[in-house]
């Protein structure tokens, strides 16, 4: 008898179903199941699909290919509660972070405007410095003239 036939019968035996109950649950005739059991017929794709649909705990790789265990592995649930809590904690900090970042950006803009204003003032400051030196020379000249007249 073919190994696929044996695996189909193993499903029936493992589930503790009689041939008639197994045939009824798959909506196939009892003679068809008997022929599979005797090795006369091989299970077709339709029967394989019915088994997998009606008994979702059966591992398709095992049933079709004979690979692995008869039953599917139970899906492992991951515990992501710590990561979710961390995301919640981080999200609570975000408004303060955004507020602080905005304050820094506002201060940066203000300083940048002041620096650009000072840059614009640079030619005027240089002119004032130049005029101040010129006025200082004129003042010294007037002082000297006064001192000369006071000596005379």
N, C-alpha and C. Protein backbone atom coordinates (compact mmCIF):
# COMPACT_ATOMS: atom_id res chain seq x y z
N UNK A 1 0.85 -1.17 0.00
CA UNK A 1 0.00 0.00 0.00
C UNK A 1 0.90 1.24 0.00
N UNK A 2 0.47 2.24 -0.70
CA UNK A 2 1.21 3.50 -0.82
C UNK A 2 1.27 4.21 0.54
N UNK A 3 2.36 4.93 0.76
CA UNK A 3 2.52 5.65 2.03
C UNK A 3 1.46 6.72 2.21
N UNK A 4 1.03 7.36 1.14
CA UNK A 4 -0.01 8.37 1.24
C UNK A 4 -1.30 7.74 1.74
N UNK A 5 -1.61 6.55 1.23
CA UNK A 5 -2.80 5.84 1.70
C UNK A 5 -2.68 5.58 3.21
N UNK A 6 -1.49 5.16 3.64
CA UNK A 6 -1.28 4.87 5.06
C UNK A 6 -1.44 6.13 5.92
N UNK A 7 -0.97 7.27 5.41
CA UNK A 7 -1.11 8.51 6.18
C UNK A 7 -2.57 8.93 6.29
N UNK A 8 -3.36 8.73 5.23
CA UNK A 8 -4.80 9.05 5.30
C UNK A 8 -5.45 8.17 6.37
N UNK A 9 -5.12 6.88 6.38
CA UNK A 9 -5.69 5.99 7.39
C UNK A 9 -5.19 6.34 8.79
N UNK A 10 -3.94 6.81 8.87
CA UNK A 10 -3.39 7.22 10.17
C UNK A 10 -4.18 8.40 10.73
N UNK A 11 -4.60 9.30 9.88
CA UNK A 11 -5.42 10.43 10.34
C UNK A 11 -6.71 9.90 10.95
N UNK A 12 -7.35 9.00 10.25
CA UNK A 12 -8.61 8.42 10.73
C UNK A 12 -8.39 7.73 12.08
N UNK A 13 -7.34 6.94 12.18
CA UNK A 13 -7.06 6.21 13.42
C UNK A 13 -6.69 7.15 14.56
N UNK A 14 -5.86 8.13 14.26
CA UNK A 14 -5.42 9.08 15.28
C UNK A 14 -6.59 9.88 15.83
N UNK A 15 -7.54 10.20 14.98
CA UNK A 15 -8.72 10.97 15.40
C UNK A 15 -9.80 10.06 16.01
N UNK A 16 -9.49 8.74 16.04
CA UNK A 16 -10.40 7.73 16.61
C UNK A 16 -11.79 7.77 15.97
N UNK A 17 -11.76 7.81 14.63
CA UNK A 17 -13.01 7.81 13.86
C UNK A 17 -13.16 6.46 13.16
N UNK A 18 -14.38 6.03 13.09
CA UNK A 18 -14.64 4.81 12.31
C UNK A 18 -14.55 5.17 10.83
N UNK A 19 -14.49 4.13 9.98
CA UNK A 19 -14.41 4.40 8.54
C UNK A 19 -15.63 5.18 8.07
N UNK A 20 -16.79 4.82 8.57
CA UNK A 20 -18.01 5.50 8.13
C UNK A 20 -18.05 6.95 8.64
N UNK A 21 -17.61 7.16 9.88
CA UNK A 21 -17.60 8.53 10.43
C UNK A 21 -16.57 9.39 9.69
N UNK A 22 -15.41 8.80 9.39
CA UNK A 22 -14.37 9.53 8.68
C UNK A 22 -14.85 9.88 7.27
N UNK A 23 -15.47 8.90 6.59
CA UNK A 23 -15.99 9.14 5.23
C UNK A 23 -17.07 10.22 5.26
N UNK A 24 -17.94 10.17 6.26
CA UNK A 24 -19.02 11.16 6.37
C UNK A 24 -18.45 12.56 6.63
N UNK A 25 -17.42 12.63 7.49
CA UNK A 25 -16.86 13.95 7.80
C UNK A 25 -16.16 14.55 6.58
N UNK A 26 -15.70 13.70 5.67
CA UNK A 26 -15.04 14.19 4.46
C UNK A 26 -15.99 14.30 3.27
N UNK A 27 -17.22 13.87 3.48
CA UNK A 27 -18.23 13.87 2.42
C UNK A 27 -17.77 13.02 1.23
N UNK A 28 -17.29 11.80 1.55
CA UNK A 28 -16.92 10.84 0.51
C UNK A 28 -17.66 9.54 0.82
N UNK A 29 -17.73 8.67 -0.17
CA UNK A 29 -18.44 7.40 0.05
C UNK A 29 -17.55 6.45 0.84
N UNK A 30 -18.22 5.55 1.59
CA UNK A 30 -17.51 4.55 2.36
C UNK A 30 -16.70 3.63 1.45
N UNK A 31 -17.25 3.21 0.31
CA UNK A 31 -16.46 2.36 -0.59
C UNK A 31 -15.17 3.06 -1.07
N UNK A 32 -15.24 4.37 -1.30
CA UNK A 32 -14.05 5.08 -1.73
C UNK A 32 -12.97 4.98 -0.65
N UNK A 33 -13.37 5.17 0.59
CA UNK A 33 -12.42 5.08 1.69
C UNK A 33 -11.91 3.65 1.84
N UNK A 34 -12.77 2.68 1.64
CA UNK A 34 -12.36 1.28 1.72
C UNK A 34 -11.34 0.97 0.64
N UNK A 35 -11.55 1.48 -0.56
CA UNK A 35 -10.59 1.27 -1.66
C UNK A 35 -9.25 1.92 -1.34
N UNK A 36 -9.27 3.09 -0.70
CA UNK A 36 -8.02 3.74 -0.29
C UNK A 36 -7.33 2.90 0.78
N UNK A 37 -8.15 2.38 1.72
CA UNK A 37 -7.61 1.54 2.80
C UNK A 37 -7.00 0.25 2.30
N UNK A 38 -7.55 -0.28 1.23
CA UNK A 38 -7.02 -1.54 0.70
C UNK A 38 -5.86 -1.31 -0.27
N UNK A 39 -5.65 -0.06 -0.66
CA UNK A 39 -4.57 0.25 -1.59
C UNK A 39 -5.00 0.19 -3.04
N UNK A 40 -6.26 -0.13 -3.28
CA UNK A 40 -6.77 -0.20 -4.66
C UNK A 40 -6.73 1.17 -5.34
N UNK A 41 -7.13 2.20 -4.56
CA UNK A 41 -7.12 3.57 -5.09
C UNK A 41 -6.16 4.43 -4.27
N UNK A 42 -5.65 5.44 -4.91
CA UNK A 42 -4.81 6.41 -4.19
C UNK A 42 -5.67 7.64 -3.90
N UNK A 43 -5.38 8.31 -2.78
CA UNK A 43 -6.14 9.53 -2.47
C UNK A 43 -5.81 10.62 -3.50
N UNK A 44 -6.83 11.29 -3.97
CA UNK A 44 -6.63 12.38 -4.93
C UNK A 44 -6.50 13.71 -4.21
N UNK A 45 -6.22 14.73 -5.00
CA UNK A 45 -6.04 16.08 -4.46
C UNK A 45 -7.29 16.55 -3.72
N UNK A 46 -8.45 16.23 -4.26
CA UNK A 46 -9.71 16.66 -3.63
C UNK A 46 -9.84 16.08 -2.23
N UNK A 47 -9.50 14.81 -2.07
CA UNK A 47 -9.59 14.17 -0.76
C UNK A 47 -8.57 14.80 0.20
N UNK A 48 -7.37 15.03 -0.28
CA UNK A 48 -6.34 15.66 0.55
C UNK A 48 -6.83 17.03 1.03
N UNK A 49 -7.42 17.80 0.12
CA UNK A 49 -7.94 19.11 0.48
C UNK A 49 -9.04 18.99 1.53
N UNK A 50 -9.92 18.03 1.37
CA UNK A 50 -11.01 17.84 2.34
C UNK A 50 -10.45 17.49 3.71
N UNK A 51 -9.44 16.65 3.75
CA UNK A 51 -8.83 16.29 5.04
C UNK A 51 -8.24 17.54 5.70
N UNK A 52 -7.50 18.31 4.93
CA UNK A 52 -6.85 19.50 5.49
C UNK A 52 -7.86 20.57 5.90
N UNK A 53 -8.95 20.69 5.17
CA UNK A 53 -9.98 21.67 5.53
C UNK A 53 -10.78 21.24 6.76
N UNK A 54 -11.09 19.95 6.84
CA UNK A 54 -11.90 19.44 7.95
C UNK A 54 -11.09 19.21 9.22
N UNK A 55 -9.80 18.99 9.06
CA UNK A 55 -8.94 18.73 10.21
C UNK A 55 -7.71 19.66 10.11
N UNK A 56 -7.89 20.93 10.42
CA UNK A 56 -6.82 21.91 10.23
C UNK A 56 -5.59 21.66 11.11
N UNK A 57 -5.73 20.81 12.10
CA UNK A 57 -4.59 20.50 12.96
C UNK A 57 -3.58 19.57 12.27
N UNK A 58 -3.99 18.96 11.14
CA UNK A 58 -3.11 18.04 10.41
C UNK A 58 -2.10 18.85 9.60
N UNK A 59 -0.85 18.46 9.70
CA UNK A 59 0.25 19.13 9.01
C UNK A 59 0.21 18.75 7.53
N UNK A 60 0.03 19.70 6.62
CA UNK A 60 -0.02 19.39 5.18
C UNK A 60 1.27 18.75 4.66
N UNK A 61 2.42 19.18 5.18
CA UNK A 61 3.69 18.59 4.75
C UNK A 61 3.73 17.10 5.10
N UNK A 62 3.23 16.78 6.27
CA UNK A 62 3.23 15.37 6.68
C UNK A 62 2.25 14.57 5.81
N UNK A 63 1.04 15.10 5.64
CA UNK A 63 0.02 14.37 4.90
C UNK A 63 0.44 14.15 3.45
N UNK A 64 0.91 15.16 2.79
CA UNK A 64 1.23 15.05 1.36
C UNK A 64 2.60 14.42 1.11
N UNK A 65 3.60 14.87 1.88
CA UNK A 65 4.98 14.48 1.60
C UNK A 65 5.58 13.50 2.61
N UNK A 66 4.91 13.34 3.74
CA UNK A 66 5.47 12.48 4.78
C UNK A 66 6.59 13.15 5.55
N UNK A 67 6.64 14.47 5.52
CA UNK A 67 7.70 15.23 6.20
C UNK A 67 7.15 15.84 7.48
N UNK A 68 7.91 15.69 8.56
CA UNK A 68 7.53 16.32 9.82
C UNK A 68 6.53 15.50 10.61
N UNK A 69 5.90 16.16 11.56
CA UNK A 69 4.95 15.50 12.46
C UNK A 69 3.55 15.55 11.85
N UNK A 70 2.69 14.67 12.35
CA UNK A 70 1.32 14.61 11.84
C UNK A 70 0.55 15.90 12.13
N UNK A 71 0.80 16.46 13.31
CA UNK A 71 0.07 17.67 13.70
C UNK A 71 0.92 18.90 13.47
N UNK A 72 0.24 19.98 13.12
CA UNK A 72 0.92 21.27 12.95
C UNK A 72 1.47 21.71 14.31
N UNK A 73 2.57 22.43 14.25
CA UNK A 73 3.09 23.00 15.48
C UNK A 73 2.17 24.12 15.92
N UNK A 74 1.96 24.17 17.22
CA UNK A 74 1.14 25.26 17.75
C UNK A 74 1.88 26.57 17.52
N UNK A 75 1.15 27.55 17.08
CA UNK A 75 1.80 28.83 16.83
C UNK A 75 2.27 29.43 18.15
N UNK A 76 3.48 29.94 18.11
CA UNK A 76 4.07 30.51 19.31
C UNK A 76 3.67 31.97 19.40
N UNK A 77 3.11 32.31 20.54
CA UNK A 77 2.73 33.70 20.76
C UNK A 77 3.91 34.43 21.39
N UNK A 78 4.27 35.51 20.78
CA UNK A 78 5.37 36.30 21.30
C UNK A 78 4.85 37.26 22.36
N UNK A 79 5.63 37.42 23.39
CA UNK A 79 5.29 38.38 24.43
C UNK A 79 5.97 39.70 24.08
N UNK A 80 5.19 40.61 23.59
CA UNK A 80 5.71 41.92 23.20
C UNK A 80 5.29 43.01 24.18
N UNK A 81 4.82 42.60 25.36
CA UNK A 81 4.31 43.58 26.32
C UNK A 81 5.39 44.57 26.75
N UNK A 82 6.62 44.10 26.97
CA UNK A 82 7.70 45.01 27.38
C UNK A 82 8.00 46.03 26.28
N UNK A 83 8.03 45.56 25.04
CA UNK A 83 8.31 46.46 23.92
C UNK A 83 7.17 47.47 23.73
N UNK A 84 5.94 46.99 23.89
CA UNK A 84 4.80 47.90 23.77
C UNK A 84 4.83 48.96 24.87
N UNK A 85 5.17 48.54 26.10
CA UNK A 85 5.26 49.50 27.20
C UNK A 85 6.34 50.53 26.93
N UNK A 86 7.46 50.07 26.36
CA UNK A 86 8.54 50.99 26.02
C UNK A 86 8.09 52.00 24.96
N UNK A 87 7.34 51.51 23.97
CA UNK A 87 6.80 52.43 22.95
C UNK A 87 5.86 53.45 23.57
N UNK A 88 5.05 53.02 24.51
CA UNK A 88 4.12 53.93 25.19
C UNK A 88 4.91 54.99 25.96
N UNK A 89 5.94 54.54 26.68
CA UNK A 89 6.76 55.48 27.45
C UNK A 89 7.46 56.49 26.54
N UNK A 90 7.98 56.01 25.43
CA UNK A 90 8.65 56.91 24.49
C UNK A 90 7.64 57.90 23.90
N UNK A 91 6.46 57.39 23.54
CA UNK A 91 5.46 58.28 22.94
C UNK A 91 4.99 59.35 23.93
N UNK A 92 5.04 59.05 25.24
CA UNK A 92 4.67 60.05 26.25
C UNK A 92 5.72 61.16 26.32
N UNK A 93 6.98 60.82 26.00
CA UNK A 93 8.05 61.82 26.04
C UNK A 93 8.08 62.69 24.78
N UNK A 94 7.46 62.24 23.73
CA UNK A 94 7.53 62.94 22.45
C UNK A 94 7.03 64.38 22.51
N UNK A 95 5.89 64.66 23.15
CA UNK A 95 5.44 66.07 23.15
C UNK A 95 6.47 67.00 23.79
N UNK A 96 7.10 66.57 24.92
CA UNK A 96 8.12 67.40 25.55
C UNK A 96 9.32 67.56 24.64
N UNK A 97 9.71 66.49 24.00
CA UNK A 97 10.86 66.54 23.09
C UNK A 97 10.57 67.51 21.95
N UNK A 98 9.40 67.41 21.37
CA UNK A 98 9.03 68.29 20.25
C UNK A 98 8.98 69.74 20.73
N UNK A 99 8.44 69.95 21.92
CA UNK A 99 8.36 71.31 22.47
C UNK A 99 9.77 71.88 22.67
N UNK A 100 10.67 71.07 23.27
CA UNK A 100 12.04 71.52 23.49
C UNK A 100 12.76 71.77 22.17
N UNK A 101 12.56 70.89 21.23
CA UNK A 101 13.20 71.05 19.92
C UNK A 101 12.70 72.33 19.26
N UNK A 102 11.41 72.62 19.39
CA UNK A 102 10.86 73.84 18.80
C UNK A 102 11.43 75.08 19.47
N UNK A 103 11.60 75.02 20.80
CA UNK A 103 12.20 76.15 21.50
C UNK A 103 13.64 76.39 21.03
N UNK A 104 14.38 75.31 20.84
CA UNK A 104 15.76 75.43 20.36
C UNK A 104 15.77 76.03 18.95
N UNK A 105 14.87 75.56 18.10
CA UNK A 105 14.80 76.10 16.74
C UNK A 105 14.43 77.58 16.75
N UNK A 106 13.48 77.94 17.61
CA UNK A 106 13.10 79.35 17.70
C UNK A 106 14.28 80.21 18.16
N UNK A 107 15.01 79.72 19.17
CA UNK A 107 16.17 80.46 19.68
C UNK A 107 17.25 80.55 18.60
N UNK A 108 17.44 79.47 17.88
CA UNK A 108 18.42 79.46 16.78
C UNK A 108 18.05 80.51 15.74
N UNK A 109 16.77 80.56 15.37
CA UNK A 109 16.32 81.55 14.38
C UNK A 109 16.57 82.97 14.88
N UNK A 110 16.29 83.19 16.17
CA UNK A 110 16.49 84.51 16.74
C UNK A 110 17.97 84.89 16.70
N UNK A 111 18.84 83.98 17.11
CA UNK A 111 20.28 84.26 17.08
C UNK A 111 20.78 84.48 15.66
N UNK A 112 20.28 83.69 14.74
CA UNK A 112 20.68 83.85 13.35
C UNK A 112 20.28 85.22 12.82
N UNK A 113 19.08 85.65 13.16
CA UNK A 113 18.65 87.00 12.73
C UNK A 113 19.54 88.08 13.33
N UNK A 114 19.91 87.91 14.62
CA UNK A 114 20.78 88.90 15.27
C UNK A 114 22.16 88.94 14.61
N UNK A 115 22.68 87.76 14.30
CA UNK A 115 24.00 87.70 13.64
C UNK A 115 23.94 88.36 12.27
N UNK A 116 22.87 88.07 11.53
CA UNK A 116 22.73 88.69 10.21
C UNK A 116 22.57 90.21 10.32
N UNK A 117 21.87 90.65 11.38
CA UNK A 117 21.70 92.09 11.61
C UNK A 117 23.05 92.74 11.92
N UNK A 118 23.85 92.05 12.76
CA UNK A 118 25.18 92.57 13.08
C UNK A 118 26.06 92.62 11.84
N UNK A 119 25.91 91.64 10.99
CA UNK A 119 26.68 91.63 9.74
C UNK A 119 26.29 92.84 8.89
N UNK A 120 24.97 93.11 8.84
CA UNK A 120 24.50 94.27 8.09
C UNK A 120 25.01 95.58 8.70
N UNK A 121 25.19 95.59 10.04
CA UNK A 121 25.67 96.79 10.72
C UNK A 121 27.17 96.99 10.57
N UNK A 122 27.88 96.00 10.17
CA UNK A 122 29.34 96.04 10.10
C UNK A 122 29.87 97.24 9.30
N UNK A 123 29.33 97.52 8.11
CA UNK A 123 29.85 98.70 7.37
C UNK A 123 29.61 100.01 8.13
N UNK A 124 28.46 100.12 8.82
CA UNK A 124 28.17 101.33 9.59
C UNK A 124 29.12 101.48 10.77
N UNK A 125 29.38 100.32 11.44
CA UNK A 125 30.30 100.35 12.58
C UNK A 125 31.70 100.73 12.13
N UNK A 126 32.12 100.22 10.98
CA UNK A 126 33.43 100.59 10.45
C UNK A 126 33.48 102.08 10.11
N UNK A 127 32.38 102.59 9.57
CA UNK A 127 32.33 104.03 9.25
C UNK A 127 32.39 104.86 10.53
N UNK A 128 31.68 104.42 11.56
CA UNK A 128 31.69 105.15 12.84
C UNK A 128 33.10 105.11 13.44
N UNK A 129 33.74 103.94 13.36
CA UNK A 129 35.10 103.80 13.87
C UNK A 129 36.04 104.76 13.12
N UNK A 130 35.89 104.82 11.82
CA UNK A 130 36.73 105.69 11.01
C UNK A 130 36.46 107.15 11.36
N UNK A 131 35.20 107.51 11.48
CA UNK A 131 34.82 108.89 11.83
C UNK A 131 35.30 109.22 13.24
N UNK A 132 35.23 108.24 14.13
CA UNK A 132 35.67 108.46 15.50
C UNK A 132 37.17 108.77 15.52
N UNK A 133 37.95 108.05 14.74
CA UNK A 133 39.39 108.30 14.67
C UNK A 133 39.65 109.69 14.09
N UNK A 134 38.91 110.05 13.07
CA UNK A 134 39.07 111.36 12.45
C UNK A 134 38.71 112.47 13.45
N UNK A 135 37.58 112.29 14.16
CA UNK A 135 37.15 113.29 15.15
C UNK A 135 38.16 113.38 16.30
N UNK A 136 38.71 112.23 16.68
CA UNK A 136 39.72 112.22 17.74
C UNK A 136 40.94 113.02 17.31
N UNK A 137 41.36 112.91 16.09
CA UNK A 137 42.50 113.69 15.56
C UNK A 137 42.17 115.17 15.58
N UNK A 138 40.96 115.52 15.12
CA UNK A 138 40.55 116.92 15.10
C UNK A 138 40.52 117.50 16.51
N UNK A 139 40.02 116.68 17.44
CA UNK A 139 39.95 117.12 18.84
C UNK A 139 41.36 117.36 19.39
N UNK A 140 42.27 116.47 19.09
CA UNK A 140 43.65 116.64 19.55
C UNK A 140 44.28 117.89 18.94
N UNK A 141 43.96 118.16 17.70
CA UNK A 141 44.50 119.36 17.05
C UNK A 141 43.97 120.64 17.73
N UNK A 142 42.67 120.62 18.04
CA UNK A 142 42.07 121.79 18.70
C UNK A 142 42.69 121.96 20.09
N UNK A 143 42.92 120.86 20.82
CA UNK A 143 43.54 120.92 22.14
C UNK A 143 44.94 121.53 22.04
N UNK A 144 45.69 121.09 21.05
CA UNK A 144 47.04 121.61 20.86
C UNK A 144 47.01 123.11 20.57
N UNK A 145 46.04 123.52 19.77
CA UNK A 145 45.94 124.96 19.44
C UNK A 145 45.61 125.76 20.70
N UNK A 146 44.73 125.17 21.52
CA UNK A 146 44.34 125.86 22.75
C UNK A 146 45.58 125.95 23.68
N UNK A 147 46.30 124.85 23.81
CA UNK A 147 47.49 124.84 24.68
C UNK A 147 48.53 125.82 24.17
N UNK A 148 48.69 125.93 22.89
CA UNK A 148 49.65 126.86 22.30
C UNK A 148 49.22 128.29 22.65
N UNK A 149 47.97 128.60 22.52
CA UNK A 149 47.47 129.95 22.80
C UNK A 149 47.56 130.24 24.29
N UNK A 150 47.40 129.24 25.13
CA UNK A 150 47.48 129.46 26.56
C UNK A 150 48.93 129.69 26.99
N UNK A 151 49.87 129.15 26.30
CA UNK A 151 51.28 129.32 26.60
C UNK A 151 51.74 130.71 26.20
N UNK A 152 51.14 131.25 25.22
CA UNK A 152 51.59 132.55 24.71
C UNK A 152 51.12 133.62 25.60
